[in-house]
Amino acid sequence: MKKNPLRLKSVNHISIVCNSVEKSLEFYHKVLGFHPVQRPASFTFHGAWLFNYGMGIHLLQSDHDSDTMPKKRVINPKDNHLSFQSEDMATTEKQLKKMKIEYVKCEVEDDGIFIDQLFFHDPDGLMIEICNCENLPILPVSGGGDSPIAVVNAARLCSIQQAEQQQKLQQIQTAAVQMMQLQQLLISIPCNACT
């Protein structure tokens, strides 16, 4: 079998059927940081499109009464879910607490590598996970050469190194701005010895 028989490139979007497109739009925008984008005007059904993190979310208004839609259940990490990477799990957890979003916290350990996970529901009961799963290397089940997984792991390492370099650059820029502000402050102070 071909390695990519359908010639796939990436995830484009997921579609979610909602009781209220407006409530879900607010959730995905304010909680998860997705931005509303234009959707085709030719659609004859209510919905909304959002985009961020290289993927889209398409919200579709349910054709059924809210009574027939699935109800929120107990937060169960083994349910179907949509997962997002976080660059700072402590901040993510603080924000969920601040927004009063009920969540379940889990930790996974594999060969000395720890993964933190936070699970919660969207307004319609779809499970959302936020994790630092990129800490765990993606290893092929069967060995063999330069797999796409090795390329993904190398890209992750490069991405982490770039983020660290970007953070250092921002720290240097902030320090430079603070030095300039301090110099301007010193210049503006009158010197009694000079007069």
Protein backbone atom coordinates (compact mmCIF):
# COMPACT_ATOMS: atom_id res chain seq x y z
CA MET A 1 0.00 0.00 0.00
CA LYS A 2 1.22 3.51 -0.80
CA LYS A 3 2.42 5.62 2.12
CA ASN A 4 -0.04 8.42 1.30
CA PRO A 5 -2.70 6.94 -0.99
CA LEU A 6 -5.11 9.88 -0.63
CA ARG A 7 -2.33 12.50 -0.99
CA LEU A 8 -3.18 14.13 2.36
CA LYS A 9 -1.30 17.23 3.57
CA SER A 10 -2.75 18.23 6.94
CA VAL A 11 -5.89 18.56 9.04
CA ASN A 12 -8.06 21.30 7.55
CA HIS A 13 -10.95 21.57 9.99
CA ILE A 14 -13.28 19.72 12.29
CA SER A 15 -17.04 20.29 12.29
CA ILE A 16 -19.03 20.44 15.51
CA VAL A 17 -22.83 20.35 15.71
CA CYS A 18 -24.00 22.83 18.37
CA ASN A 19 -27.11 23.61 20.39
CA SER A 20 -26.16 27.27 20.06
CA VAL A 21 -23.66 28.46 17.47
CA GLU A 22 -23.36 31.75 19.40
CA LYS A 23 -22.41 30.06 22.72
CA SER A 24 -19.94 27.74 20.98
CA LEU A 25 -18.49 30.63 18.96
CA GLU A 26 -17.86 32.54 22.19
CA PHE A 27 -16.29 29.47 23.84
CA TYR A 28 -13.94 28.60 20.98
CA HIS A 29 -12.96 32.26 20.59
CA LYS A 30 -12.57 33.34 24.23
CA VAL A 31 -11.41 30.08 25.83
CA LEU A 32 -9.39 28.40 23.06
CA GLY A 33 -8.29 31.46 21.06
CA PHE A 34 -9.84 30.63 17.68
CA HIS A 35 -10.73 33.61 15.51
CA PRO A 36 -13.97 33.91 13.51
CA VAL A 37 -13.37 33.87 9.76
CA GLN A 38 -15.66 34.38 6.81
CA ARG A 39 -17.68 31.43 5.64
CA PRO A 40 -19.30 31.05 2.21
CA ALA A 41 -22.41 33.22 1.86
CA SER A 42 -24.06 30.50 -0.22
CA PHE A 43 -24.61 28.33 2.88
CA THR A 44 -28.32 28.18 3.72
CA PHE A 45 -27.83 26.88 7.26
CA HIS A 46 -26.68 28.66 10.41
CA GLY A 47 -23.07 28.22 11.44
CA ALA A 48 -19.71 29.87 11.96
CA TRP A 49 -16.12 29.23 10.98
CA LEU A 50 -13.11 29.83 13.19
CA PHE A 51 -9.39 29.42 12.55
CA ASN A 52 -6.13 29.26 14.52
CA TYR A 53 -3.16 26.95 15.14
CA GLY A 54 -3.15 25.88 11.50
CA MET A 55 -6.66 24.39 11.58
CA GLY A 56 -10.29 25.38 11.33
CA ILE A 57 -13.34 24.67 13.44
CA HIS A 58 -16.70 24.76 11.69
CA LEU A 59 -19.70 25.20 13.96
CA LEU A 60 -23.04 23.92 12.67
CA GLN A 61 -26.40 24.71 14.24
CA SER A 62 -28.20 21.50 15.20
CA ASP A 63 -31.40 20.71 13.31
CA HIS A 64 -32.75 18.99 16.43
CA ASP A 65 -34.16 20.28 19.70
CA SER A 66 -31.63 20.75 22.45
CA ASP A 67 -33.39 17.84 24.23
CA THR A 68 -32.11 15.38 21.61
CA MET A 69 -28.51 16.67 21.66
CA PRO A 70 -26.04 14.74 23.82
CA LYS A 71 -25.85 16.06 27.39
CA LYS A 72 -22.67 16.94 29.22
CA ARG A 73 -21.47 13.93 31.14
CA VAL A 74 -18.85 13.39 33.77
CA ILE A 75 -15.47 14.53 32.48
CA ASN A 76 -13.86 11.30 31.32
CA PRO A 77 -10.41 11.46 29.70
CA LYS A 78 -11.24 8.23 27.83
CA ASP A 79 -14.10 9.89 25.89
CA ASN A 80 -13.68 11.13 22.33
CA HIS A 81 -11.87 14.44 22.51
CA LEU A 82 -10.12 17.21 20.64
CA SER A 83 -6.59 17.88 21.95
CA PHE A 84 -4.47 21.04 21.86
CA GLN A 85 -0.83 21.62 22.78
CA SER A 86 0.00 24.18 25.45
CA GLU A 87 3.30 25.98 25.83
CA ASP A 88 2.62 26.61 29.55
CA MET A 89 0.38 24.17 31.40
CA ALA A 90 0.48 26.11 34.70
CA THR A 91 -0.87 29.22 32.97
CA THR A 92 -3.47 27.16 31.15
CA GLU A 93 -4.71 25.70 34.43
CA LYS A 94 -4.81 29.16 36.08
CA GLN A 95 -6.87 30.49 33.18
CA LEU A 96 -9.36 27.60 33.37
CA LYS A 97 -9.77 28.31 37.10
CA LYS A 98 -10.18 32.03 36.43
CA MET A 99 -12.85 31.30 33.80
CA LYS A 100 -14.56 28.90 36.24
CA ILE A 101 -14.33 26.01 33.79
CA GLU A 102 -14.60 22.61 35.48
CA TYR A 103 -11.75 20.33 34.45
CA VAL A 104 -9.99 17.08 35.31
CA LYS A 105 -6.21 17.02 35.61
CA CYS A 106 -4.18 13.93 34.67
CA GLU A 107 -0.51 13.09 34.45
CA VAL A 108 1.00 10.41 32.23
CA GLU A 109 4.53 9.07 32.70
CA ASP A 110 6.41 7.10 30.10
CA ASP A 111 10.05 6.17 30.53
CA GLY A 112 10.72 9.18 32.80
CA ILE A 113 8.87 11.65 30.58
CA PHE A 114 5.86 13.32 32.17
CA ILE A 115 2.83 14.63 30.28
CA ASP A 116 0.28 16.94 31.90
CA GLN A 117 -3.31 16.87 30.64
CA LEU A 118 -6.36 19.01 31.41
CA PHE A 119 -9.78 17.80 30.23
CA PHE A 120 -13.00 19.84 30.09
CA HIS A 121 -16.17 20.18 28.01
CA ASP A 122 -17.25 22.69 25.41
CA PRO A 123 -20.83 24.07 25.73
CA ASP A 124 -22.27 20.96 24.06
CA GLY A 125 -20.29 18.38 26.00
CA LEU A 126 -17.50 17.74 23.48
CA MET A 127 -14.36 16.84 25.44
CA ILE A 128 -11.39 19.18 25.05
CA GLU A 129 -7.88 18.22 26.17
CA ILE A 130 -5.00 20.61 26.65
CA CYS A 131 -1.63 18.97 27.15
CA ASN A 132 2.11 19.20 26.75
CA CYS A 133 2.14 15.96 24.76
CA GLU A 134 4.92 17.19 22.50
CA ASN A 135 7.28 16.27 25.35
CA LEU A 136 6.68 12.64 24.42
CA PRO A 137 8.57 11.54 21.29
CA ILE A 138 6.57 10.00 18.47
CA LEU A 139 8.09 6.59 17.87
CA PRO A 140 7.07 4.22 15.09
CA VAL A 141 5.59 0.90 16.19
CA SER A 142 7.89 -1.00 13.82
CA GLY A 143 11.45 0.22 13.19
CA GLY A 144 12.76 1.35 9.91
CA GLY A 145 14.83 4.13 8.47
CA ASP A 146 13.96 7.76 8.12
CA SER A 147 10.26 7.64 8.84
CA PRO A 148 8.02 10.72 8.72
CA ILE A 149 7.94 10.37 12.52
CA ALA A 150 11.69 11.00 12.76
CA VAL A 151 11.15 14.12 10.68
CA VAL A 152 8.33 15.23 13.04
CA ASN A 153 10.57 14.70 16.10
CA ALA A 154 13.38 16.72 14.47
CA ALA A 155 10.90 19.47 13.58
CA ARG A 156 9.63 19.53 17.18
CA LEU A 157 13.18 19.89 18.51
CA CYS A 158 13.87 22.67 16.02
CA SER A 159 10.60 24.38 16.98
CA ILE A 160 11.46 24.20 20.70
CA GLN A 161 14.94 25.60 20.03
CA GLN A 162 13.47 28.43 17.93
CA ALA A 163 10.99 29.27 20.70
CA GLU A 164 13.81 29.36 23.27
CA GLN A 165 15.89 31.63 20.99
CA GLN A 166 12.87 33.89 20.42
CA GLN A 167 12.31 34.13 24.19
CA LYS A 168 15.97 35.06 24.77
CA LEU A 169 15.77 37.68 22.00
CA GLN A 170 12.65 39.19 23.58
CA GLN A 171 14.41 39.32 26.96
CA ILE A 172 17.39 41.13 25.38
CA GLN A 173 15.07 43.57 23.58
CA THR A 174 13.17 44.27 26.82
CA ALA A 175 16.44 44.87 28.68
CA ALA A 176 17.65 47.23 25.92
CA VAL A 177 14.41 49.25 26.09
CA GLN A 178 14.70 49.44 29.88
CA MET A 179 18.33 50.65 29.57
CA MET A 180 17.30 53.38 27.12
CA GLN A 181 14.49 54.49 29.43
CA LEU A 182 16.92 54.59 32.37
CA GLN A 183 19.41 56.65 30.32
CA GLN A 184 16.67 59.13 29.36
CA LEU A 185 15.64 59.38 33.00
CA LEU A 186 19.22 60.05 34.09
CA ILE A 187 19.65 62.72 31.39
CA SER A 188 16.47 64.48 32.50
CA ILE A 189 17.58 64.73 36.17
CA PRO A 190 19.15 68.18 36.84
CA CYS A 191 22.73 68.04 38.04
CA ASN A 192 23.37 70.45 40.97
CA ALA A 193 27.15 70.09 40.61
CA CYS A 194 26.96 71.22 36.99
CA THR A 195 25.23 74.56 37.71
